[in-house]
């Protein structure tokens, strides 16, 4: 019971610390001149001939498969740990 109370208090303290608003630190330029920003110059390249374009579509979905495996592994490991703790 004491361990659960300590874990609950720690979780609440962590949630409060992470959700507290924090003021952004920024230069106020008091006594100095603010920096100037120059305009952008864009140069367009020549259009690419679609007939010469030989690169295929990028392969996607690898991240989803990897994250799914990590999630399934975490669930399996958690199940094993809970069953061991309950039987001990």
C-alpha atoms as a PDB file:
ATOM      1  CA  UNK A   1       0.000   0.000   0.000  1.00  0.00           C
ATOM      2  CA  UNK A   2       2.832   2.386   0.827  1.00  0.00           C
ATOM      3  CA  UNK A   3       4.538   1.679  -2.509  1.00  0.00           C
ATOM      4  CA  UNK A   4       1.347   2.488  -4.402  1.00  0.00           C
ATOM      5  CA  UNK A   5       0.979   5.764  -2.473  1.00  0.00           C
ATOM      6  CA  UNK A   6       4.569   6.764  -3.269  1.00  0.00           C
ATOM      7  CA  UNK A   7       4.078   5.892  -6.949  1.00  0.00           C
ATOM      8  CA  UNK A   8       0.860   7.928  -7.100  1.00  0.00           C
ATOM      9  CA  UNK A   9       2.459  10.951  -5.451  1.00  0.00           C
ATOM     10  CA  UNK A  10       5.464  10.709  -7.787  1.00  0.00           C
ATOM     11  CA  UNK A  11       3.200  10.477 -10.845  1.00  0.00           C
ATOM     12  CA  UNK A  12       1.169  13.492  -9.723  1.00  0.00           C
ATOM     13  CA  UNK A  13       4.344  15.493  -9.039  1.00  0.00           C
ATOM     14  CA  UNK A  14       5.731  14.615 -12.481  1.00  0.00           C
ATOM     15  CA  UNK A  15       2.454  15.563 -14.167  1.00  0.00           C
ATOM     16  CA  UNK A  16       2.357  18.879 -12.314  1.00  0.00           C
ATOM     17  CA  UNK A  17       5.973  19.661 -13.193  1.00  0.00           C
ATOM     18  CA  UNK A  18       5.479  18.868 -16.879  1.00  0.00           C
ATOM     19  CA  UNK A  19       2.204  20.753 -17.209  1.00  0.00           C
ATOM     20  CA  UNK A  20       3.333  23.961 -15.480  1.00  0.00           C
ATOM     21  CA  UNK A  21       3.493  26.918 -17.878  1.00  0.00           C
ATOM     22  CA  UNK A  22       6.975  28.248 -18.467  1.00  0.00           C
ATOM     23  CA  UNK A  23       7.741  31.750 -19.726  1.00  0.00           C
ATOM     24  CA  UNK A  24       9.757  31.881 -22.908  1.00  0.00           C
ATOM     25  CA  UNK A  25      13.163  33.468 -22.653  1.00  0.00           C
ATOM     26  CA  UNK A  26      13.643  36.065 -25.363  1.00  0.00           C
ATOM     27  CA  UNK A  27      15.923  39.000 -26.001  1.00  0.00           C
ATOM     28  CA  UNK A  28      14.123  42.283 -25.568  1.00  0.00           C
ATOM     29  CA  UNK A  29      16.702  44.357 -27.513  1.00  0.00           C
ATOM     30  CA  UNK A  30      16.660  47.195 -24.989  1.00  0.00           C
ATOM     31  CA  UNK A  31      19.271  49.740 -25.981  1.00  0.00           C
ATOM     32  CA  UNK A  32      20.278  47.902 -29.173  1.00  0.00           C
ATOM     33  CA  UNK A  33      18.876  47.769 -32.646  1.00  0.00           C
ATOM     34  CA  UNK A  34      16.911  44.667 -33.563  1.00  0.00           C
ATOM     35  CA  UNK A  35      18.315  42.437 -36.294  1.00  0.00           C
ATOM     36  CA  UNK A  36      17.165  43.031 -39.848  1.00  0.00           C
ATOM     37  CA  UNK A  37      15.891  40.330 -42.152  1.00  0.00           C
ATOM     38  CA  UNK A  38      16.650  40.432 -45.847  1.00  0.00           C
ATOM     39  CA  UNK A  39      14.134  39.292 -48.431  1.00  0.00           C
ATOM     40  CA  UNK A  40      14.411  35.888 -50.053  1.00  0.00           C
ATOM     41  CA  UNK A  41      15.513  35.413 -53.633  1.00  0.00           C
ATOM     42  CA  UNK A  42      14.117  32.294 -55.275  1.00  0.00           C
ATOM     43  CA  UNK A  43      15.596  30.849 -58.441  1.00  0.00           C
ATOM     44  CA  UNK A  44      13.520  28.291 -60.264  1.00  0.00           C
ATOM     45  CA  UNK A  45      15.284  25.407 -61.921  1.00  0.00           C
ATOM     46  CA  UNK A  46      14.431  24.090 -65.343  1.00  0.00           C
ATOM     47  CA  UNK A  47      11.480  21.659 -65.377  1.00  0.00           C
ATOM     48  CA  UNK A  48      12.394  17.977 -65.340  1.00  0.00           C
ATOM     49  CA  UNK A  49      11.322  15.842 -68.263  1.00  0.00           C
ATOM     50  CA  UNK A  50       8.929  13.188 -66.839  1.00  0.00           C
ATOM     51  CA  UNK A  51      10.219  10.617 -69.349  1.00  0.00           C
ATOM     52  CA  UNK A  52      13.718  10.707 -67.850  1.00  0.00           C
ATOM     53  CA  UNK A  53      12.529  10.406 -64.257  1.00  0.00           C
ATOM     54  CA  UNK A  54      13.594   6.871 -63.275  1.00  0.00           C
ATOM     55  CA  UNK A  55      13.313   7.025 -59.468  1.00  0.00           C
ATOM     56  CA  UNK A  56      10.229   5.227 -58.127  1.00  0.00           C
ATOM     57  CA  UNK A  57       8.002   6.150 -55.242  1.00  0.00           C
ATOM     58  CA  UNK A  58       9.574   6.127 -51.805  1.00  0.00           C
ATOM     59  CA  UNK A  59       8.976   3.042 -49.699  1.00  0.00           C
ATOM     60  CA  UNK A  60       6.686   3.895 -46.801  1.00  0.00           C
ATOM     61  CA  UNK A  61       5.135   1.905 -43.988  1.00  0.00           C
ATOM     62  CA  UNK A  62       8.386   0.673 -42.448  1.00  0.00           C
ATOM     63  CA  UNK A  63       7.981   2.912 -39.425  1.00  0.00           C
ATOM     64  CA  UNK A  64       4.474   1.639 -38.786  1.00  0.00           C
ATOM     65  CA  UNK A  65       5.585  -1.989 -38.904  1.00  0.00           C
ATOM     66  CA  UNK A  66       8.519  -1.357 -36.562  1.00  0.00           C
ATOM     67  CA  UNK A  67       6.411   0.589 -34.063  1.00  0.00           C
ATOM     68  CA  UNK A  68       3.762  -2.133 -34.145  1.00  0.00           C
ATOM     69  CA  UNK A  69       6.377  -4.748 -33.311  1.00  0.00           C
ATOM     70  CA  UNK A  70       7.748  -2.607 -30.479  1.00  0.00           C
ATOM     71  CA  UNK A  71       4.212  -2.143 -29.119  1.00  0.00           C
ATOM     72  CA  UNK A  72       3.409  -5.847 -29.277  1.00  0.00           C
ATOM     73  CA  UNK A  73       6.716  -6.639 -27.598  1.00  0.00           C
ATOM     74  CA  UNK A  74       6.027  -4.118 -24.822  1.00  0.00           C
ATOM     75  CA  UNK A  75       2.563  -5.571 -24.222  1.00  0.00           C
ATOM     76  CA  UNK A  76       3.980  -9.098 -24.139  1.00  0.00           C
ATOM     77  CA  UNK A  77       6.769  -8.129 -21.745  1.00  0.00           C
ATOM     78  CA  UNK A  78       4.311  -6.315 -19.498  1.00  0.00           C
ATOM     79  CA  UNK A  79       2.034  -9.348 -19.436  1.00  0.00           C
ATOM     80  CA  UNK A  80       4.921 -11.619 -18.477  1.00  0.00           C
ATOM     81  CA  UNK A  81       6.070  -9.267 -15.710  1.00  0.00           C
ATOM     82  CA  UNK A  82       2.565  -8.927 -14.265  1.00  0.00           C
ATOM     83  CA  UNK A  83       2.008 -12.700 -14.237  1.00  0.00           C
ATOM     84  CA  UNK A  84       5.370 -13.292 -12.557  1.00  0.00           C
ATOM     85  CA  UNK A  85       4.657 -10.684  -9.891  1.00  0.00           C
ATOM     86  CA  UNK A  86       1.195 -12.095  -9.143  1.00  0.00           C
ATOM     87  CA  UNK A  87       2.469 -15.661  -8.871  1.00  0.00           C
ATOM     88  CA  UNK A  88       5.403 -14.731  -6.607  1.00  0.00           C
END
